[in-house]
Amino acid sequence: MRRQAPALTLLALNCRRVARLFRSLAILKPIFGVAITGVVAVLLWKALLVVLLPFIGIAAGFLFLVAKLVLGAVMVCVAIWVLRRLARREEKLA
């Protein structure tokens, strides 16, 4: 029988170690599936965020518009209340 060179023997040992490593990684296949699903979900979230960003801006603009209108209405109501109160005070003094 012919004897193998030391380099080939080391290569064969490394191949066996790599094969053993892949067999041990077979246990982790379900975890890889979950990890890949998480990565794909994050990528889809980022893509949808870029697509939906203008709509989010429009919604925020409408919310600020409504807030301004409500604030204006409150200011008018407070002004009317103050004027009526001052008018009543003048009537009591007169």
Protein backbone atom coordinates (compact mmCIF):
# COMPACT_ATOMS: atom_id res chain seq x y z
CA MET A 1 0.00 0.00 0.00
CA ARG A 2 1.23 3.40 -0.91
CA ARG A 3 1.73 5.95 1.79
CA GLN A 4 0.04 9.38 1.41
CA ALA A 5 1.95 12.60 1.55
CA PRO A 6 1.59 14.59 4.80
CA ALA A 7 -0.21 17.44 3.02
CA LEU A 8 -2.86 15.08 1.69
CA THR A 9 -3.29 13.53 5.12
CA LEU A 10 -3.87 16.97 6.64
CA LEU A 11 -6.32 17.78 3.86
CA ALA A 12 -8.24 14.58 4.54
CA LEU A 13 -8.33 15.36 8.27
CA ASN A 14 -9.58 18.88 7.58
CA CYS A 15 -12.27 17.52 5.25
CA ARG A 16 -13.42 15.17 8.00
CA ARG A 17 -13.53 18.04 10.48
CA VAL A 18 -15.52 20.19 8.06
CA ALA A 19 -17.95 17.33 7.42
CA ARG A 20 -18.38 16.83 11.18
CA LEU A 21 -18.98 20.57 11.59
CA PHE A 22 -21.69 20.56 8.94
CA ARG A 23 -23.35 17.55 10.55
CA SER A 24 -23.41 19.42 13.87
CA LEU A 25 -24.81 22.51 12.12
CA ALA A 26 -27.72 20.45 10.81
CA ILE A 27 -29.22 20.77 14.28
CA LEU A 28 -29.33 24.54 13.85
CA LYS A 29 -31.33 24.53 10.58
CA PRO A 30 -34.62 25.56 12.25
CA ILE A 31 -32.84 28.47 13.93
CA PHE A 32 -31.40 29.54 10.57
CA GLY A 33 -34.93 29.58 9.17
CA VAL A 34 -36.13 31.84 11.96
CA ALA A 35 -33.11 34.10 11.54
CA ILE A 36 -33.62 34.41 7.80
CA THR A 37 -37.31 35.16 8.35
CA GLY A 38 -36.33 37.94 10.76
CA VAL A 39 -33.85 39.43 8.31
CA VAL A 40 -36.40 39.34 5.48
CA ALA A 41 -39.00 40.94 7.75
CA VAL A 42 -36.63 43.78 8.66
CA LEU A 43 -35.78 44.36 4.99
CA LEU A 44 -39.48 44.43 4.04
CA TRP A 45 -40.20 46.81 6.92
CA LYS A 46 -37.49 49.18 5.70
CA ALA A 47 -38.74 49.01 2.11
CA LEU A 48 -42.36 49.63 3.14
CA LEU A 49 -41.27 52.51 5.35
CA VAL A 50 -39.59 54.19 2.39
CA VAL A 51 -42.69 53.64 0.24
CA LEU A 52 -45.15 54.74 2.93
CA LEU A 53 -43.14 57.71 4.22
CA PRO A 54 -44.97 60.28 2.04
CA PHE A 55 -48.33 59.00 3.29
CA ILE A 56 -47.12 59.23 6.89
CA GLY A 57 -46.08 62.83 6.20
CA ILE A 58 -49.48 63.65 4.72
CA ALA A 59 -51.23 62.12 7.74
CA ALA A 60 -49.02 64.12 10.11
CA GLY A 61 -49.79 67.28 8.12
CA PHE A 62 -53.54 66.68 8.45
CA LEU A 63 -53.15 66.07 12.18
CA PHE A 64 -51.27 69.35 12.60
CA LEU A 65 -53.94 71.14 10.55
CA VAL A 66 -56.69 69.77 12.78
CA ALA A 67 -54.68 70.72 15.88
CA LYS A 68 -54.31 74.30 14.58
CA LEU A 69 -58.03 74.58 13.83
CA VAL A 70 -58.94 73.26 17.28
CA LEU A 71 -56.48 75.66 18.93
CA GLY A 72 -57.96 78.56 16.95
CA ALA A 73 -61.49 77.57 17.98
CA VAL A 74 -60.43 77.34 21.63
CA MET A 75 -58.81 80.79 21.44
CA VAL A 76 -62.02 82.29 19.97
CA CYS A 77 -64.12 80.61 22.68
CA VAL A 78 -61.82 81.93 25.42
CA ALA A 79 -61.92 85.43 23.92
CA ILE A 80 -65.74 85.39 23.84
CA TRP A 81 -65.86 84.12 27.43
CA VAL A 82 -63.47 86.86 28.62
CA LEU A 83 -65.42 89.59 26.78
CA ARG A 84 -68.74 88.42 28.24
CA ARG A 85 -67.24 88.31 31.71
CA LEU A 86 -65.88 91.84 31.34
CA ALA A 87 -69.28 93.01 30.05
CA ARG A 88 -71.03 91.49 33.09
CA ARG A 89 -68.55 93.13 35.43
CA GLU A 90 -69.20 96.54 33.82
CA GLU A 91 -72.97 96.02 34.17
CA LYS A 92 -72.58 95.25 37.88
CA LEU A 93 -70.47 98.34 38.44
CA ALA A 94 -72.86 100.63 36.57
